[in-house]
């Protein structure tokens, strides 16, 4: 895992790469931290929340594509933790 974490950190620092980690029913926070994936790009779901997860990921990637096409692409695009889940439902 160390060599992958090192590569993720190197690529993330270029500003040209964004890594996200979406998990289901395990410790996404701990694993993503070991992989050097930014906290704002990590989300953990319960298997029973598959519908919510699908809507959230779809909305997030639409925001990502829009900001990239507008030239406002940055390192903090996903904002999984800041998203208001009521907007997704």
N, C-alpha and C. Protein backbone atom coordinates (compact mmCIF):
# COMPACT_ATOMS: atom_id res chain seq x y z
N UNK A 1 0.83 -1.19 0.00
CA UNK A 1 0.00 0.00 0.00
C UNK A 1 0.87 1.26 0.00
N UNK A 2 2.08 1.16 0.55
CA UNK A 2 2.97 2.31 0.65
C UNK A 2 3.35 2.92 -0.69
N UNK A 3 3.63 2.08 -1.68
CA UNK A 3 4.02 2.62 -2.99
C UNK A 3 2.84 3.28 -3.68
N UNK A 4 1.64 2.74 -3.48
CA UNK A 4 0.44 3.36 -4.06
C UNK A 4 0.17 4.70 -3.39
N UNK A 5 0.29 4.75 -2.07
CA UNK A 5 0.08 6.00 -1.32
C UNK A 5 1.07 7.06 -1.77
N UNK A 6 2.31 6.66 -1.97
CA UNK A 6 3.35 7.60 -2.42
C UNK A 6 3.01 8.16 -3.80
N UNK A 7 2.58 7.30 -4.70
CA UNK A 7 2.22 7.74 -6.06
C UNK A 7 1.01 8.66 -6.03
N UNK A 8 0.01 8.33 -5.22
CA UNK A 8 -1.16 9.20 -5.10
C UNK A 8 -0.75 10.58 -4.60
N UNK A 9 0.10 10.63 -3.59
CA UNK A 9 0.55 11.91 -3.05
C UNK A 9 1.30 12.71 -4.11
N UNK A 10 2.19 12.06 -4.85
CA UNK A 10 2.95 12.74 -5.91
C UNK A 10 2.01 13.31 -6.98
N UNK A 11 1.08 12.51 -7.44
CA UNK A 11 0.17 12.96 -8.49
C UNK A 11 -0.79 14.03 -7.99
N UNK A 12 -1.26 13.91 -6.76
CA UNK A 12 -2.16 14.91 -6.18
C UNK A 12 -1.47 16.27 -6.11
N UNK A 13 -0.20 16.27 -5.76
CA UNK A 13 0.54 17.53 -5.65
C UNK A 13 0.74 18.24 -6.99
N UNK A 14 0.59 17.52 -8.10
CA UNK A 14 0.73 18.17 -9.41
C UNK A 14 -0.45 19.08 -9.71
N UNK A 15 -1.59 18.84 -9.03
CA UNK A 15 -2.80 19.61 -9.30
C UNK A 15 -3.56 19.12 -10.51
N UNK A 16 -3.06 18.09 -11.17
CA UNK A 16 -3.71 17.56 -12.37
C UNK A 16 -4.51 16.29 -12.10
N UNK A 17 -4.41 15.79 -10.89
CA UNK A 17 -5.07 14.55 -10.52
C UNK A 17 -5.94 14.76 -9.30
N UNK A 18 -7.08 14.07 -9.26
CA UNK A 18 -7.95 14.04 -8.10
C UNK A 18 -8.29 12.58 -7.82
N UNK A 19 -8.10 12.17 -6.59
CA UNK A 19 -8.41 10.81 -6.20
C UNK A 19 -9.59 10.83 -5.24
N UNK A 20 -10.51 9.92 -5.45
CA UNK A 20 -11.63 9.79 -4.53
C UNK A 20 -11.72 8.35 -4.08
N UNK A 21 -12.38 8.15 -2.94
CA UNK A 21 -12.51 6.82 -2.37
C UNK A 21 -13.93 6.68 -1.86
N UNK A 22 -14.68 5.78 -2.47
CA UNK A 22 -16.06 5.53 -2.09
C UNK A 22 -16.12 4.08 -1.62
N UNK A 23 -16.63 3.88 -0.41
CA UNK A 23 -16.67 2.52 0.12
C UNK A 23 -18.06 2.18 0.63
N UNK A 24 -18.22 0.92 0.89
CA UNK A 24 -19.48 0.43 1.40
C UNK A 24 -19.21 -0.55 2.53
N UNK A 25 -19.62 -0.17 3.72
CA UNK A 25 -19.54 -1.04 4.90
C UNK A 25 -18.12 -1.36 5.39
N UNK A 26 -17.16 -0.48 5.20
CA UNK A 26 -15.88 -0.62 5.87
C UNK A 26 -15.28 0.76 6.10
N UNK A 27 -14.19 0.83 6.79
CA UNK A 27 -13.62 2.10 7.26
C UNK A 27 -12.92 2.88 6.16
N UNK A 28 -13.68 3.64 5.40
CA UNK A 28 -13.14 4.42 4.29
C UNK A 28 -12.17 5.49 4.79
N UNK A 29 -12.46 6.08 5.92
CA UNK A 29 -11.62 7.15 6.45
C UNK A 29 -10.21 6.66 6.74
N UNK A 30 -10.10 5.55 7.42
CA UNK A 30 -8.80 5.00 7.77
C UNK A 30 -8.01 4.55 6.54
N UNK A 31 -8.66 3.84 5.65
CA UNK A 31 -7.98 3.33 4.46
C UNK A 31 -7.55 4.47 3.55
N UNK A 32 -8.43 5.44 3.32
CA UNK A 32 -8.08 6.56 2.44
C UNK A 32 -6.95 7.40 3.03
N UNK A 33 -6.91 7.53 4.34
CA UNK A 33 -5.82 8.26 4.99
C UNK A 33 -4.49 7.57 4.71
N UNK A 34 -4.47 6.25 4.79
CA UNK A 34 -3.25 5.49 4.50
C UNK A 34 -2.84 5.62 3.03
N UNK A 35 -3.83 5.87 2.16
CA UNK A 35 -3.55 6.01 0.73
C UNK A 35 -3.28 7.45 0.31
N UNK A 36 -3.30 8.40 1.25
CA UNK A 36 -3.10 9.83 0.95
C UNK A 36 -4.21 10.42 0.07
N UNK A 37 -5.42 9.95 0.27
CA UNK A 37 -6.56 10.51 -0.45
C UNK A 37 -7.20 11.56 0.44
N UNK A 38 -7.43 12.73 -0.14
CA UNK A 38 -7.97 13.86 0.63
C UNK A 38 -9.31 13.52 1.28
N UNK A 39 -9.47 13.95 2.51
CA UNK A 39 -10.67 13.66 3.30
C UNK A 39 -11.95 14.10 2.60
N UNK A 40 -11.91 15.25 1.93
CA UNK A 40 -13.11 15.76 1.28
C UNK A 40 -13.52 14.92 0.06
N UNK A 41 -12.67 14.01 -0.35
CA UNK A 41 -12.97 13.15 -1.49
C UNK A 41 -13.25 11.71 -1.06
N UNK A 42 -13.66 11.53 0.19
CA UNK A 42 -13.92 10.20 0.74
C UNK A 42 -15.36 10.14 1.22
N UNK A 43 -16.01 9.02 0.93
CA UNK A 43 -17.38 8.84 1.41
C UNK A 43 -17.61 7.36 1.69
N UNK A 44 -18.27 7.07 2.78
CA UNK A 44 -18.61 5.70 3.14
C UNK A 44 -20.13 5.58 3.20
N UNK A 45 -20.66 4.54 2.60
CA UNK A 45 -22.10 4.29 2.59
C UNK A 45 -22.40 2.93 3.17
N UNK A 46 -23.60 2.79 3.65
CA UNK A 46 -24.15 1.50 4.06
C UNK A 46 -24.76 0.85 2.81
N UNK A 47 -24.67 -0.44 2.68
CA UNK A 47 -25.22 -1.12 1.51
C UNK A 47 -26.71 -0.81 1.32
N UNK A 48 -27.41 -0.58 2.40
CA UNK A 48 -28.84 -0.29 2.30
C UNK A 48 -29.10 1.10 1.73
N UNK A 49 -28.07 1.94 1.62
CA UNK A 49 -28.21 3.30 1.10
C UNK A 49 -27.73 3.41 -0.35
N UNK A 50 -27.81 2.32 -1.11
CA UNK A 50 -27.29 2.33 -2.47
C UNK A 50 -27.92 3.42 -3.33
N UNK A 51 -29.22 3.62 -3.21
CA UNK A 51 -29.90 4.65 -3.99
C UNK A 51 -29.37 6.04 -3.66
N UNK A 52 -29.22 6.34 -2.38
CA UNK A 52 -28.66 7.62 -1.95
C UNK A 52 -27.24 7.78 -2.47
N UNK A 53 -26.44 6.72 -2.36
CA UNK A 53 -25.06 6.77 -2.83
C UNK A 53 -25.01 7.06 -4.32
N UNK A 54 -25.84 6.40 -5.10
CA UNK A 54 -25.85 6.61 -6.55
C UNK A 54 -26.19 8.05 -6.91
N UNK A 55 -27.20 8.60 -6.25
CA UNK A 55 -27.58 9.99 -6.51
C UNK A 55 -26.48 10.95 -6.10
N UNK A 56 -25.88 10.71 -4.95
CA UNK A 56 -24.81 11.57 -4.45
C UNK A 56 -23.60 11.56 -5.37
N UNK A 57 -23.20 10.38 -5.79
CA UNK A 57 -22.04 10.27 -6.69
C UNK A 57 -22.35 10.92 -8.03
N UNK A 58 -23.54 10.71 -8.55
CA UNK A 58 -23.92 11.32 -9.82
C UNK A 58 -23.87 12.84 -9.74
N UNK A 59 -24.46 13.39 -8.68
CA UNK A 59 -24.47 14.84 -8.50
C UNK A 59 -23.04 15.38 -8.35
N UNK A 60 -22.21 14.65 -7.63
CA UNK A 60 -20.83 15.06 -7.41
C UNK A 60 -20.04 15.07 -8.70
N UNK A 61 -20.19 14.02 -9.51
CA UNK A 61 -19.44 13.97 -10.77
C UNK A 61 -19.95 15.00 -11.77
N UNK A 62 -21.21 15.34 -11.72
CA UNK A 62 -21.72 16.40 -12.58
C UNK A 62 -21.09 17.74 -12.21
N UNK A 63 -20.96 18.01 -10.89
CA UNK A 63 -20.29 19.23 -10.44
C UNK A 63 -18.83 19.24 -10.89
N UNK A 64 -18.19 18.09 -10.79
CA UNK A 64 -16.79 17.93 -11.19
C UNK A 64 -16.64 18.25 -12.68
N UNK A 65 -17.48 17.65 -13.52
CA UNK A 65 -17.39 17.87 -14.97
C UNK A 65 -17.66 19.33 -15.31
N UNK A 66 -18.63 19.93 -14.65
CA UNK A 66 -18.97 21.33 -14.91
C UNK A 66 -17.81 22.25 -14.53
N UNK A 67 -17.22 22.04 -13.36
CA UNK A 67 -16.12 22.91 -12.95
C UNK A 67 -14.89 22.69 -13.82
N UNK A 68 -14.66 21.48 -14.28
CA UNK A 68 -13.52 21.22 -15.16
C UNK A 68 -13.73 21.91 -16.51
N UNK A 69 -14.94 21.83 -17.04
CA UNK A 69 -15.21 22.47 -18.34
C UNK A 69 -15.20 23.99 -18.25
N UNK A 70 -15.48 24.54 -17.07
CA UNK A 70 -15.44 25.99 -16.86
C UNK A 70 -14.05 26.51 -16.53
N UNK A 71 -13.10 25.60 -16.37
CA UNK A 71 -11.74 26.02 -16.04
C UNK A 71 -11.54 26.32 -14.58
N UNK A 72 -12.52 26.03 -13.74
CA UNK A 72 -12.39 26.32 -12.31
C UNK A 72 -12.04 25.07 -11.52
N UNK A 73 -11.47 24.11 -12.19
CA UNK A 73 -11.10 22.84 -11.58
C UNK A 73 -10.05 23.06 -10.50
N UNK A 74 -10.28 22.47 -9.33
CA UNK A 74 -9.34 22.57 -8.23
C UNK A 74 -9.20 21.25 -7.52
N UNK A 75 -8.45 21.23 -6.45
CA UNK A 75 -8.22 19.99 -5.71
C UNK A 75 -9.40 19.58 -4.87
N UNK A 76 -10.27 20.51 -4.52
CA UNK A 76 -11.40 20.20 -3.64
C UNK A 76 -12.69 20.30 -4.44
N UNK A 77 -12.91 19.36 -5.32
CA UNK A 77 -14.07 19.37 -6.19
C UNK A 77 -15.22 18.56 -5.61
N UNK A 78 -14.92 17.46 -4.98
CA UNK A 78 -15.96 16.52 -4.61
C UNK A 78 -16.76 16.93 -3.38
N UNK A 79 -16.14 17.38 -2.34
CA UNK A 79 -16.84 17.87 -1.15
C UNK A 79 -17.91 16.91 -0.65
N UNK A 80 -17.61 15.62 -0.59
CA UNK A 80 -18.58 14.64 -0.13
C UNK A 80 -19.11 14.97 1.26
N UNK A 81 -18.26 15.43 2.16
CA UNK A 81 -18.70 15.68 3.52
C UNK A 81 -19.51 16.96 3.65
N UNK A 82 -19.34 17.88 2.73
CA UNK A 82 -20.07 19.14 2.81
C UNK A 82 -21.41 19.08 2.11
N UNK A 83 -21.64 18.05 1.32
CA UNK A 83 -22.88 17.96 0.56
C UNK A 83 -24.08 17.78 1.47
N UNK A 84 -25.11 18.49 1.18
CA UNK A 84 -26.35 18.36 1.93
C UNK A 84 -27.13 17.19 1.34
N UNK A 85 -27.21 16.11 2.08
CA UNK A 85 -27.85 14.90 1.55
C UNK A 85 -29.32 15.10 1.29
N UNK A 86 -29.94 16.09 1.89
CA UNK A 86 -31.35 16.37 1.59
C UNK A 86 -31.52 16.82 0.15
N UNK A 87 -30.49 17.50 -0.42
CA UNK A 87 -30.54 17.92 -1.81
C UNK A 87 -30.49 16.74 -2.77
N UNK A 88 -29.93 15.65 -2.32
CA UNK A 88 -29.75 14.48 -3.17
C UNK A 88 -31.02 13.66 -3.28
N UNK A 89 -31.82 13.65 -2.24
CA UNK A 89 -33.03 12.80 -2.18
C UNK A 89 -34.09 13.24 -3.17
